Amino acid sequence: MEFFDSHCHLDDTRFDEDRETLIHEIQKAAITKFVSAGYSLEASKKGLELSKKYEYIYTTCGISPNDIPQTEEVLWKEIDEIRHLVESNLKSKKIVAIGEIGLDYYWEKDLQRRKWQRQAFVKQIEIANEFDLPIVIHTREAVMDTLEILKENTVDKKGIFHCCPLNRELVKEALKVGFYISFAGPITFKNSKNANEIIEMVPNDKMLIETDSPYLAPEPVRGTRNDPRNVKFIAQKIADVKGISLEKVAKITYENAKKIFNI
């Protein structure tokens, strides 16, 4: 039985003291592939370095809504650098998506900077289309604007709603336009009231699992530093809700990740 953690952040400073050891422990724990996702220019570069060092690690490149620079000039400069990073490393096959990108109105209240988020989202969709890559979407308290952008801007290779908010309308519309839904630690939380319903909404061929580590550690290790080994708890929750075996969830999500990331 093998697991594929479709989204984590092994470049995070919380892993600085034991990153190399942990990466080997992750693989020994049957998490045989994972994506160390970019969210800023710096994180995208670090993720690419990791992916080149280890055969079983992949990465994404992009600027997340929570990492929009302080000026518009720097924003467009960094997005140009993201494009160049992707273009110059296409042959490595290690950059598997543009992301994480999207909108976050929970943390950002300034209307001008929310506009920059939307513009950056659209521009990075264009980069994904240019290089025939899927996108990885982060959305928080911005469901309607996120869906509107996807309706107005075709994403050729579709993509993933990572750590997907447990919002019925978002999941329904995301599935309509062919996106995958990636489940993370929150589906295991005792206060996730509609987690079971959302899990049941997602067909087997559109679901992925992720840790988003070092954040959002699932039950029963909630509150600790998360890492990809904990993806098994998320898979077990899905197995329990859908009434299928853990082995089946592992196989389905592994194959789905390989398909969307073209691995």
C-alpha atoms as a PDB file:
ATOM      1  CA  MET A   1       0.000   0.000   0.000  1.00  0.00           C
ATOM      2  CA  GLU A   2       1.394   3.382  -1.107  1.00  0.00           C
ATOM      3  CA  PHE A   3       0.232   6.925  -0.411  1.00  0.00           C
ATOM      4  CA  PHE A   4       0.637  10.149  -2.401  1.00  0.00           C
ATOM      5  CA  ASP A   5       0.570  13.379  -0.377  1.00  0.00           C
ATOM      6  CA  SER A   6      -0.563  15.817  -3.052  1.00  0.00           C
ATOM      7  CA  HIS A   7       0.321  18.999  -1.121  1.00  0.00           C
ATOM      8  CA  CYS A   8       2.810  19.748   1.635  1.00  0.00           C
ATOM      9  CA  HIS A   9       5.464  22.359   2.360  1.00  0.00           C
ATOM     10  CA  LEU A  10       8.744  20.624   3.161  1.00  0.00           C
ATOM     11  CA  ASP A  11      10.609  23.893   2.510  1.00  0.00           C
ATOM     12  CA  ASP A  12       9.039  25.394   5.652  1.00  0.00           C
ATOM     13  CA  THR A  13      11.472  26.571   8.329  1.00  0.00           C
ATOM     14  CA  ARG A  14       9.841  24.226  10.833  1.00  0.00           C
ATOM     15  CA  PHE A  15      11.611  21.394   9.016  1.00  0.00           C
ATOM     16  CA  ASP A  16      15.049  23.021   8.948  1.00  0.00           C
ATOM     17  CA  GLU A  17      16.515  20.941  11.776  1.00  0.00           C
ATOM     18  CA  ASP A  18      15.471  17.490  10.530  1.00  0.00           C
ATOM     19  CA  ARG A  19      14.331  17.838   6.892  1.00  0.00           C
ATOM     20  CA  GLU A  20      16.684  15.255   5.365  1.00  0.00           C
ATOM     21  CA  THR A  21      16.006  12.668   8.044  1.00  0.00           C
ATOM     22  CA  LEU A  22      12.279  13.271   7.854  1.00  0.00           C
ATOM     23  CA  ILE A  23      12.175  12.900   4.067  1.00  0.00           C
ATOM     24  CA  HIS A  24      13.670   9.408   4.377  1.00  0.00           C
ATOM     25  CA  GLU A  25      11.238   8.555   7.212  1.00  0.00           C
ATOM     26  CA  ILE A  26       8.322   9.682   5.049  1.00  0.00           C
ATOM     27  CA  GLN A  27       9.240   7.300   2.255  1.00  0.00           C
ATOM     28  CA  LYS A  28       9.812   4.421   4.682  1.00  0.00           C
ATOM     29  CA  ALA A  29       6.276   5.056   5.999  1.00  0.00           C
ATOM     30  CA  ALA A  30       4.851   4.197   2.532  1.00  0.00           C
ATOM     31  CA  ILE A  31       4.287   7.794   1.426  1.00  0.00           C
ATOM     32  CA  THR A  32       6.212   7.086  -1.738  1.00  0.00           C
ATOM     33  CA  LYS A  33       5.408  10.270  -3.638  1.00  0.00           C
ATOM     34  CA  PHE A  34       4.580  13.796  -2.531  1.00  0.00           C
ATOM     35  CA  VAL A  35       4.396  17.358  -3.789  1.00  0.00           C
ATOM     36  CA  SER A  36       6.273  20.027  -1.854  1.00  0.00           C
ATOM     37  CA  ALA A  37       4.208  22.939  -3.092  1.00  0.00           C
ATOM     38  CA  GLY A  38       5.384  26.464  -3.809  1.00  0.00           C
ATOM     39  CA  TYR A  39       3.489  29.503  -2.558  1.00  0.00           C
ATOM     40  CA  SER A  40       5.989  32.322  -3.148  1.00  0.00           C
ATOM     41  CA  LEU A  41       8.955  32.874  -5.430  1.00  0.00           C
ATOM     42  CA  GLU A  42      11.368  31.762  -2.704  1.00  0.00           C
ATOM     43  CA  ALA A  43       9.292  28.696  -1.755  1.00  0.00           C
ATOM     44  CA  SER A  44       8.942  27.747  -5.422  1.00  0.00           C
ATOM     45  CA  LYS A  45      12.717  27.780  -5.824  1.00  0.00           C
ATOM     46  CA  LYS A  46      13.224  25.731  -2.653  1.00  0.00           C
ATOM     47  CA  GLY A  47      10.564  23.233  -3.709  1.00  0.00           C
ATOM     48  CA  LEU A  48      12.266  22.822  -7.059  1.00  0.00           C
ATOM     49  CA  GLU A  49      15.623  22.202  -5.355  1.00  0.00           C
ATOM     50  CA  LEU A  50      14.074  19.483  -3.188  1.00  0.00           C
ATOM     51  CA  SER A  51      12.338  17.846  -6.130  1.00  0.00           C
ATOM     52  CA  LYS A  52      15.572  17.659  -8.096  1.00  0.00           C
ATOM     53  CA  LYS A  53      17.355  16.069  -5.157  1.00  0.00           C
ATOM     54  CA  TYR A  54      14.817  13.297  -4.593  1.00  0.00           C
ATOM     55  CA  GLU A  55      13.228  11.218  -7.330  1.00  0.00           C
ATOM     56  CA  TYR A  56       9.918  10.840  -5.458  1.00  0.00           C
ATOM     57  CA  ILE A  57       9.392  14.546  -4.650  1.00  0.00           C
ATOM     58  CA  TYR A  58       7.606  16.915  -7.042  1.00  0.00           C
ATOM     59  CA  THR A  59       6.802  20.601  -6.752  1.00  0.00           C
ATOM     60  CA  THR A  60       4.558  23.417  -7.900  1.00  0.00           C
ATOM     61  CA  CYS A  61       5.477  27.022  -8.635  1.00  0.00           C
ATOM     62  CA  GLY A  62       3.335  30.043  -7.948  1.00  0.00           C
ATOM     63  CA  ILE A  63       2.531  33.012  -5.749  1.00  0.00           C
ATOM     64  CA  SER A  64      -0.312  32.461  -3.317  1.00  0.00           C
ATOM     65  CA  PRO A  65      -2.797  35.181  -2.368  1.00  0.00           C
ATOM     66  CA  ASN A  66      -1.192  35.354   1.069  1.00  0.00           C
ATOM     67  CA  ASP A  67       2.232  36.026  -0.434  1.00  0.00           C
ATOM     68  CA  ILE A  68       1.380  38.953  -2.700  1.00  0.00           C
ATOM     69  CA  PRO A  69       4.315  41.422  -2.455  1.00  0.00           C
ATOM     70  CA  GLN A  70       3.937  44.883  -0.983  1.00  0.00           C
ATOM     71  CA  THR A  71       3.971  46.702  -4.321  1.00  0.00           C
ATOM     72  CA  GLU A  72       2.364  45.985  -7.663  1.00  0.00           C
ATOM     73  CA  GLU A  73       5.694  46.437  -9.421  1.00  0.00           C
ATOM     74  CA  VAL A  74       7.315  43.674  -7.362  1.00  0.00           C
ATOM     75  CA  LEU A  75       4.266  41.434  -7.858  1.00  0.00           C
ATOM     76  CA  TRP A  76       4.557  41.462 -11.646  1.00  0.00           C
ATOM     77  CA  LYS A  77       8.324  41.071 -11.442  1.00  0.00           C
ATOM     78  CA  GLU A  78       7.947  37.979  -9.267  1.00  0.00           C
ATOM     79  CA  ILE A  79       5.258  36.497 -11.513  1.00  0.00           C
ATOM     80  CA  ASP A  80       7.598  36.976 -14.478  1.00  0.00           C
ATOM     81  CA  GLU A  81      10.260  35.145 -12.487  1.00  0.00           C
ATOM     82  CA  ILE A  82       7.820  32.318 -11.755  1.00  0.00           C
ATOM     83  CA  ARG A  83       7.159  32.026 -15.487  1.00  0.00           C
ATOM     84  CA  HIS A  84      10.895  31.921 -16.220  1.00  0.00           C
ATOM     85  CA  LEU A  85      11.459  29.329 -13.471  1.00  0.00           C
ATOM     86  CA  VAL A  86       8.814  27.072 -15.009  1.00  0.00           C
ATOM     87  CA  GLU A  87      10.010  27.580 -18.579  1.00  0.00           C
ATOM     88  CA  SER A  88      13.644  26.868 -17.757  1.00  0.00           C
ATOM     89  CA  ASN A  89      12.823  23.675 -15.823  1.00  0.00           C
ATOM     90  CA  LEU A  90      10.114  22.087 -17.970  1.00  0.00           C
ATOM     91  CA  LYS A  91      12.389  19.284 -19.145  1.00  0.00           C
ATOM     92  CA  SER A  92      12.964  18.109 -15.584  1.00  0.00           C
ATOM     93  CA  LYS A  93       9.286  17.079 -15.325  1.00  0.00           C
ATOM     94  CA  LYS A  94       9.458  17.997 -11.643  1.00  0.00           C
ATOM     95  CA  ILE A  95       7.197  21.082 -11.788  1.00  0.00           C
ATOM     96  CA  VAL A  96       3.783  19.447 -11.962  1.00  0.00           C
ATOM     97  CA  ALA A  97       1.451  22.441 -11.562  1.00  0.00           C
ATOM     98  CA  ILE A  98       1.178  26.199 -11.138  1.00  0.00           C
ATOM     99  CA  GLY A  99       0.280  26.919  -7.564  1.00  0.00           C
ATOM    100  CA  GLU A 100      -0.655  27.434  -5.030  1.00  0.00           C
ATOM    101  CA  ILE A 101      -2.591  30.377  -6.453  1.00  0.00           C
ATOM    102  CA  GLY A 102      -6.020  31.859  -5.817  1.00  0.00           C
ATOM    103  CA  LEU A 103      -7.820  34.194  -3.445  1.00  0.00           C
ATOM    104  CA  ASP A 104      -7.859  34.693   0.323  1.00  0.00           C
ATOM    105  CA  TYR A 105     -10.176  37.335   1.735  1.00  0.00           C
ATOM    106  CA  TYR A 106      -9.909  35.991   5.276  1.00  0.00           C
ATOM    107  CA  TRP A 107      -6.450  37.445   5.828  1.00  0.00           C
ATOM    108  CA  GLU A 108      -6.581  40.286   3.283  1.00  0.00           C
ATOM    109  CA  LYS A 109      -9.101  43.065   3.956  1.00  0.00           C
ATOM    110  CA  ASP A 110      -7.582  45.808   1.755  1.00  0.00           C
ATOM    111  CA  LEU A 111      -9.633  46.140  -1.443  1.00  0.00           C
ATOM    112  CA  GLN A 112      -6.683  47.148  -3.613  1.00  0.00           C
ATOM    113  CA  ARG A 113      -4.641  44.159  -2.537  1.00  0.00           C
ATOM    114  CA  ARG A 114      -7.632  41.882  -3.115  1.00  0.00           C
ATOM    115  CA  LYS A 115      -7.664  43.253  -6.666  1.00  0.00           C
ATOM    116  CA  TRP A 116      -3.990  42.324  -7.006  1.00  0.00           C
ATOM    117  CA  GLN A 117      -4.866  38.809  -5.797  1.00  0.00           C
ATOM    118  CA  ARG A 118      -7.448  38.468  -8.566  1.00  0.00           C
ATOM    119  CA  GLN A 119      -5.083  39.834 -11.211  1.00  0.00           C
ATOM    120  CA  ALA A 120      -2.267  37.534 -10.071  1.00  0.00           C
ATOM    121  CA  PHE A 121      -4.659  34.568 -10.120  1.00  0.00           C
ATOM    122  CA  VAL A 122      -5.633  35.262 -13.740  1.00  0.00           C
ATOM    123  CA  LYS A 123      -2.047  35.863 -14.849  1.00  0.00           C
ATOM    124  CA  GLN A 124      -0.889  32.596 -13.319  1.00  0.00           C
ATOM    125  CA  ILE A 125      -3.747  30.721 -15.003  1.00  0.00           C
ATOM    126  CA  GLU A 126      -2.326  32.084 -18.259  1.00  0.00           C
ATOM    127  CA  ILE A 127       1.118  30.729 -17.329  1.00  0.00           C
ATOM    128  CA  ALA A 128      -0.397  27.312 -16.588  1.00  0.00           C
ATOM    129  CA  ASN A 129      -2.093  27.279 -19.985  1.00  0.00           C
ATOM    130  CA  GLU A 130       1.084  28.389 -21.724  1.00  0.00           C
ATOM    131  CA  PHE A 131       3.039  25.457 -20.313  1.00  0.00           C
ATOM    132  CA  ASP A 132       0.190  22.920 -20.370  1.00  0.00           C
ATOM    133  CA  LEU A 133       0.064  22.523 -16.589  1.00  0.00           C
ATOM    134  CA  PRO A 134      -2.831  22.208 -14.133  1.00  0.00           C
ATOM    135  CA  ILE A 135      -3.322  24.732 -11.334  1.00  0.00           C
ATOM    136  CA  VAL A 136      -3.524  24.297  -7.559  1.00  0.00           C
ATOM    137  CA  ILE A 137      -6.043  26.649  -5.982  1.00  0.00           C
ATOM    138  CA  HIS A 138      -6.089  28.144  -2.498  1.00  0.00           C
ATOM    139  CA  THR A 139      -9.396  29.837  -1.677  1.00  0.00           C
ATOM    140  CA  ARG A 140     -10.644  31.137   1.657  1.00  0.00           C
ATOM    141  CA  GLU A 141     -13.747  33.281   2.146  1.00  0.00           C
ATOM    142  CA  ALA A 142     -13.629  34.118  -1.564  1.00  0.00           C
ATOM    143  CA  VAL A 143     -15.743  31.352  -3.080  1.00  0.00           C
ATOM    144  CA  MET A 144     -17.834  33.457  -5.460  1.00  0.00           C
ATOM    145  CA  ASP A 145     -14.902  35.436  -6.856  1.00  0.00           C
ATOM    146  CA  THR A 146     -12.851  32.253  -7.241  1.00  0.00           C
ATOM    147  CA  LEU A 147     -15.617  30.536  -9.209  1.00  0.00           C
ATOM    148  CA  GLU A 148     -16.233  33.644 -11.304  1.00  0.00           C
ATOM    149  CA  ILE A 149     -12.568  33.793 -12.327  1.00  0.00           C
ATOM    150  CA  LEU A 150     -12.627  30.107 -13.296  1.00  0.00           C
ATOM    151  CA  LYS A 151     -15.759  30.638 -15.392  1.00  0.00           C
ATOM    152  CA  GLU A 152     -14.237  33.639 -17.164  1.00  0.00           C
ATOM    153  CA  ASN A 153     -10.754  32.154 -17.638  1.00  0.00           C
ATOM    154  CA  THR A 154     -10.529  28.661 -19.107  1.00  0.00           C
ATOM    155  CA  VAL A 155      -8.001  26.409 -17.401  1.00  0.00           C
ATOM    156  CA  ASP A 156      -6.905  23.975 -20.088  1.00  0.00           C
ATOM    157  CA  LYS A 157      -5.527  21.265 -17.803  1.00  0.00           C
ATOM    158  CA  LYS A 158      -7.987  21.915 -14.951  1.00  0.00           C
ATOM    159  CA  GLY A 159      -6.528  21.466 -11.489  1.00  0.00           C
ATOM    160  CA  ILE A 160      -7.075  20.979  -7.782  1.00  0.00           C
ATOM    161  CA  PHE A 161      -8.839  22.780  -4.971  1.00  0.00           C
ATOM    162  CA  HIS A 162      -6.208  22.117  -2.338  1.00  0.00           C
ATOM    163  CA  CYS A 163      -7.257  21.764   1.301  1.00  0.00           C
ATOM    164  CA  CYS A 164     -10.694  22.336  -0.146  1.00  0.00           C
ATOM    165  CA  PRO A 165     -13.042  24.375   2.054  1.00  0.00           C
ATOM    166  CA  LEU A 166     -15.976  22.256   3.179  1.00  0.00           C
ATOM    167  CA  ASN A 167     -18.423  24.399   1.212  1.00  0.00           C
ATOM    168  CA  ARG A 168     -21.154  22.547  -0.684  1.00  0.00           C
ATOM    169  CA  GLU A 169     -21.547  25.147  -3.435  1.00  0.00           C
ATOM    170  CA  LEU A 170     -17.813  25.372  -4.064  1.00  0.00           C
ATOM    171  CA  VAL A 171     -17.413  21.599  -4.306  1.00  0.00           C
ATOM    172  CA  LYS A 172     -20.450  21.248  -6.555  1.00  0.00           C
ATOM    173  CA  GLU A 173     -19.254  23.939  -8.962  1.00  0.00           C
ATOM    174  CA  ALA A 174     -15.628  22.758  -8.865  1.00  0.00           C
ATOM    175  CA  LEU A 175     -16.691  19.253  -9.879  1.00  0.00           C
ATOM    176  CA  LYS A 176     -18.858  20.677 -12.658  1.00  0.00           C
ATOM    177  CA  VAL A 177     -15.830  22.278 -14.310  1.00  0.00           C
ATOM    178  CA  GLY A 178     -13.689  19.161 -13.914  1.00  0.00           C
ATOM    179  CA  PHE A 179     -11.514  20.031 -10.924  1.00  0.00           C
ATOM    180  CA  TYR A 180     -10.206  17.631  -8.304  1.00  0.00           C
ATOM    181  CA  ILE A 181     -10.977  18.030  -4.607  1.00  0.00           C
ATOM    182  CA  SER A 182      -8.087  17.529  -2.200  1.00  0.00           C
ATOM    183  CA  PHE A 183      -8.949  16.642   1.377  1.00  0.00           C
ATOM    184  CA  ALA A 184      -6.698  17.638   4.266  1.00  0.00           C
ATOM    185  CA  GLY A 185      -6.645  17.468   8.063  1.00  0.00           C
ATOM    186  CA  PRO A 186      -9.823  19.509   8.675  1.00  0.00           C
ATOM    187  CA  ILE A 187     -12.036  16.614   7.528  1.00  0.00           C
ATOM    188  CA  THR A 188     -10.880  14.731  10.636  1.00  0.00           C
ATOM    189  CA  PHE A 189     -11.602  17.565  13.064  1.00  0.00           C
ATOM    190  CA  LYS A 190     -14.435  16.965  15.497  1.00  0.00           C
ATOM    191  CA  ASN A 191     -15.922  20.400  14.738  1.00  0.00           C
ATOM    192  CA  SER A 192     -16.036  19.861  10.948  1.00  0.00           C
ATOM    193  CA  LYS A 193     -19.802  19.602  10.860  1.00  0.00           C
ATOM    194  CA  ASN A 194     -20.340  18.838   7.169  1.00  0.00           C
ATOM    195  CA  ALA A 195     -17.141  16.924   6.418  1.00  0.00           C
ATOM    196  CA  ASN A 196     -18.925  13.604   5.888  1.00  0.00           C
ATOM    197  CA  GLU A 197     -21.414  15.137   3.478  1.00  0.00           C
ATOM    198  CA  ILE A 198     -18.674  16.775   1.415  1.00  0.00           C
ATOM    199  CA  ILE A 199     -16.629  13.561   1.303  1.00  0.00           C
ATOM    200  CA  GLU A 200     -19.679  11.714  -0.011  1.00  0.00           C
ATOM    201  CA  MET A 201     -20.239  14.427  -2.640  1.00  0.00           C
ATOM    202  CA  VAL A 202     -16.858  13.851  -4.255  1.00  0.00           C
ATOM    203  CA  PRO A 203     -16.664  10.902  -6.676  1.00  0.00           C
ATOM    204  CA  ASN A 204     -13.728   8.563  -6.264  1.00  0.00           C
ATOM    205  CA  ASP A 205     -12.109   9.676  -9.517  1.00  0.00           C
ATOM    206  CA  LYS A 206     -11.930  13.316  -8.361  1.00  0.00           C
ATOM    207  CA  MET A 207     -10.526  13.031  -4.854  1.00  0.00           C
ATOM    208  CA  LEU A 208      -6.996  13.549  -3.567  1.00  0.00           C
ATOM    209  CA  ILE A 209      -5.432  13.539  -0.116  1.00  0.00           C
ATOM    210  CA  GLU A 210      -2.878  15.941   1.339  1.00  0.00           C
ATOM    211  CA  THR A 211      -1.414  17.108   4.628  1.00  0.00           C
ATOM    212  CA  ASP A 212      -0.661  20.781   3.844  1.00  0.00           C
ATOM    213  CA  SER A 213       2.074  20.147   6.395  1.00  0.00           C
ATOM    214  CA  PRO A 214       3.463  21.556   8.610  1.00  0.00           C
ATOM    215  CA  TYR A 215      -0.032  22.996   9.101  1.00  0.00           C
ATOM    216  CA  LEU A 216      -3.396  21.423   9.973  1.00  0.00           C
ATOM    217  CA  ALA A 217      -2.289  18.177  11.580  1.00  0.00           C
ATOM    218  CA  PRO A 218      -5.233  15.752  11.542  1.00  0.00           C
ATOM    219  CA  GLU A 219      -6.802  13.930  14.449  1.00  0.00           C
ATOM    220  CA  PRO A 220      -5.432  12.162  16.445  1.00  0.00           C
ATOM    221  CA  VAL A 221      -2.238  14.280  16.228  1.00  0.00           C
ATOM    222  CA  ARG A 222      -3.933  17.653  15.940  1.00  0.00           C
ATOM    223  CA  GLY A 223      -1.850  20.478  17.381  1.00  0.00           C
ATOM    224  CA  THR A 224       1.509  18.956  16.500  1.00  0.00           C
ATOM    225  CA  ARG A 225       3.832  19.736  13.605  1.00  0.00           C
ATOM    226  CA  ASN A 226       2.239  18.021  10.639  1.00  0.00           C
ATOM    227  CA  ASP A 227       4.197  16.017   8.072  1.00  0.00           C
ATOM    228  CA  PRO A 228       3.307  13.772   5.098  1.00  0.00           C
ATOM    229  CA  ARG A 229       3.247  10.597   7.185  1.00  0.00           C
ATOM    230  CA  ASN A 230      -0.057  11.825   8.629  1.00  0.00           C
ATOM    231  CA  VAL A 231      -1.783  11.630   5.253  1.00  0.00           C
ATOM    232  CA  LYS A 232      -2.871   8.119   6.304  1.00  0.00           C
ATOM    233  CA  PHE A 233      -5.263   9.589   8.881  1.00  0.00           C
ATOM    234  CA  ILE A 234      -6.988  11.611   6.159  1.00  0.00           C
ATOM    235  CA  ALA A 235      -7.243   8.556   3.941  1.00  0.00           C
ATOM    236  CA  GLN A 236      -8.712   6.549   6.831  1.00  0.00           C
ATOM    237  CA  LYS A 237     -11.395   9.184   7.425  1.00  0.00           C
ATOM    238  CA  ILE A 238     -12.424   8.980   3.755  1.00  0.00           C
ATOM    239  CA  ALA A 239     -12.448   5.179   3.935  1.00  0.00           C
ATOM    240  CA  ASP A 240     -14.698   5.261   6.995  1.00  0.00           C
ATOM    241  CA  VAL A 241     -17.175   7.685   5.430  1.00  0.00           C
ATOM    242  CA  LYS A 242     -17.326   5.991   2.036  1.00  0.00           C
ATOM    243  CA  GLY A 243     -17.389   2.502   3.500  1.00  0.00           C
ATOM    244  CA  ILE A 244     -14.375   1.288   1.564  1.00  0.00           C
ATOM    245  CA  SER A 245     -10.979  -0.023   2.612  1.00  0.00           C
ATOM    246  CA  LEU A 246      -7.981   2.135   3.428  1.00  0.00           C
ATOM    247  CA  GLU A 247      -6.103   0.268   0.699  1.00  0.00           C
ATOM    248  CA  LYS A 248      -8.714   1.311  -1.858  1.00  0.00           C
ATOM    249  CA  VAL A 249      -8.549   4.982  -0.841  1.00  0.00           C
ATOM    250  CA  ALA A 250      -4.754   4.873  -1.045  1.00  0.00           C
ATOM    251  CA  LYS A 251      -4.837   3.325  -4.530  1.00  0.00           C
ATOM    252  CA  ILE A 252      -7.550   5.658  -5.871  1.00  0.00           C
ATOM    253  CA  THR A 253      -5.932   8.848  -4.613  1.00  0.00           C
ATOM    254  CA  TYR A 254      -2.473   7.693  -5.720  1.00  0.00           C
ATOM    255  CA  GLU A 255      -3.662   7.103  -9.273  1.00  0.00           C
ATOM    256  CA  ASN A 256      -5.661  10.361  -9.303  1.00  0.00           C
ATOM    257  CA  ALA A 257      -2.583  12.339  -8.239  1.00  0.00           C
ATOM    258  CA  LYS A 258      -0.467  10.706 -10.934  1.00  0.00           C
ATOM    259  CA  LYS A 259      -3.135  11.552 -13.505  1.00  0.00           C
ATOM    260  CA  ILE A 260      -3.654  15.240 -12.670  1.00  0.00           C
ATOM    261  CA  PHE A 261       0.095  15.827 -12.225  1.00  0.00           C
ATOM    262  CA  ASN A 262       0.967  13.800 -15.347  1.00  0.00           C
ATOM    263  CA  ILE A 263       3.462  11.611 -13.492  1.00  0.00           C
END
